[in-house]
C-alpha atoms as a PDB file:
ATOM      1  CA  MET A   1      76.060  68.733 117.143  1.00  0.00           C
ATOM      2  CA  ALA A   2      73.590  69.353 114.481  1.00  0.00           C
ATOM      3  CA  GLY A   3      74.286  73.150 114.304  1.00  0.00           C
ATOM      4  CA  LEU A   4      73.463  73.427 118.106  1.00  0.00           C
ATOM      5  CA  PHE A   5      75.347  75.453 120.211  1.00  0.00           C
ATOM      6  CA  VAL A   6      75.990  73.973 123.692  1.00  0.00           C
ATOM      7  CA  PRO A   7      78.530  75.307 125.917  1.00  0.00           C
ATOM      8  CA  LEU A   8      81.458  72.809 127.045  1.00  0.00           C
ATOM      9  CA  TRP A   9      80.824  73.548 130.690  1.00  0.00           C
ATOM     10  CA  LEU A  10      77.160  72.483 130.386  1.00  0.00           C
ATOM     11  CA  VAL A  11      78.114  68.972 128.468  1.00  0.00           C
ATOM     12  CA  LEU A  12      80.858  68.561 131.252  1.00  0.00           C
ATOM     13  CA  SER A  13      78.440  69.479 134.124  1.00  0.00           C
ATOM     14  CA  LEU A  14      75.815  66.829 132.760  1.00  0.00           C
ATOM     15  CA  VAL A  15      78.889  64.165 132.629  1.00  0.00           C
ATOM     16  CA  ALA A  16      79.888  65.063 136.114  1.00  0.00           C
ATOM     17  CA  VAL A  17      76.366  64.405 137.390  1.00  0.00           C
ATOM     18  CA  ILE A  18      76.093  61.080 135.571  1.00  0.00           C
ATOM     19  CA  ILE A  19      79.404  60.056 136.766  1.00  0.00           C
ATOM     20  CA  ALA A  20      78.250  61.073 140.358  1.00  0.00           C
ATOM     21  CA  VAL A  21      75.303  59.015 140.061  1.00  0.00           C
ATOM     22  CA  VAL A  22      77.241  55.967 138.692  1.00  0.00           C
ATOM     23  CA  VAL A  23      79.815  56.233 141.728  1.00  0.00           C
ATOM     24  CA  ARG A  24      76.941  56.515 144.165  1.00  0.00           C
ATOM     25  CA  LEU A  25      75.442  53.368 142.833  1.00  0.00           C
ATOM     26  CA  ALA A  26      78.953  51.579 143.023  1.00  0.00           C
ATOM     27  CA  PHE A  27      79.589  52.504 146.641  1.00  0.00           C
ATOM     28  CA  ALA A  28      76.029  51.610 147.486  1.00  0.00           C
ATOM     29  CA  ARG A  29      76.448  48.047 146.319  1.00  0.00           C
ATOM     30  CA  LEU A  30      79.966  47.776 147.937  1.00  0.00           C
ATOM     31  CA  GLY A  31      78.203  48.939 151.204  1.00  0.00           C
ATOM     32  CA  GLY A  32      81.229  51.413 152.128  1.00  0.00           C
ATOM     33  CA  ILE A  33      80.476  53.967 154.533  1.00  0.00           C
ATOM     34  CA  LEU A  34      81.544  57.481 153.547  1.00  0.00           C
ATOM     35  CA  PRO A  35      81.834  60.319 156.076  1.00  0.00           C
ATOM     36  CA  PHE A  36      80.537  62.903 153.567  1.00  0.00           C
ATOM     37  CA  PRO A  37      78.899  60.883 150.773  1.00  0.00           C
ATOM     38  CA  LEU A  38      77.610  64.111 148.669  1.00  0.00           C
ATOM     39  CA  LEU A  39      80.891  65.656 148.526  1.00  0.00           C
ATOM     40  CA  THR A  40      82.527  62.385 147.701  1.00  0.00           C
ATOM     41  CA  TYR A  41      80.274  61.641 144.649  1.00  0.00           C
ATOM     42  CA  LEU A  42      80.408  65.200 143.525  1.00  0.00           C
ATOM     43  CA  GLY A  43      84.124  65.348 143.858  1.00  0.00           C
ATOM     44  CA  VAL A  44      84.641  62.098 141.675  1.00  0.00           C
ATOM     45  CA  GLY A  45      82.059  63.314 139.132  1.00  0.00           C
ATOM     46  CA  ILE A  46      84.103  66.466 138.762  1.00  0.00           C
ATOM     47  CA  LEU A  47      87.450  64.874 138.732  1.00  0.00           C
ATOM     48  CA  VAL A  48      86.202  62.492 135.831  1.00  0.00           C
ATOM     49  CA  ALA A  49      84.745  65.203 133.823  1.00  0.00           C
ATOM     50  CA  GLY A  50      87.803  67.203 134.382  1.00  0.00           C
ATOM     51  CA  ALA A  51      89.932  64.397 133.060  1.00  0.00           C
ATOM     52  CA  ILE A  52      87.618  63.974 130.171  1.00  0.00           C
ATOM     53  CA  ASP A  53      88.005  67.597 129.047  1.00  0.00           C
ATOM     54  CA  LEU A  54      91.653  67.204 129.306  1.00  0.00           C
ATOM     55  CA  LEU A  55      92.037  64.091 127.373  1.00  0.00           C
ATOM     56  CA  TRP A  56      89.267  64.734 124.945  1.00  0.00           C
ATOM     57  CA  PHE A  57      89.830  68.330 124.093  1.00  0.00           C
ATOM     58  CA  ASP A  58      93.566  68.297 124.622  1.00  0.00           C
ATOM     59  CA  ARG A  59      93.880  71.587 126.574  1.00  0.00           C
END
């Protein structure tokens, strides 16, 4: 990243937020009713960011 030090957790947190926004837009279009939408979006974002961490960085 051009000599820039960016902690991995910061990058994956940004990925989680982006994924949560995408999932929110997808659920909004489907018209689904979720009991706890904020927790659902956050959980999906963390799940995807964790999967990216495991697959990309091979831990």
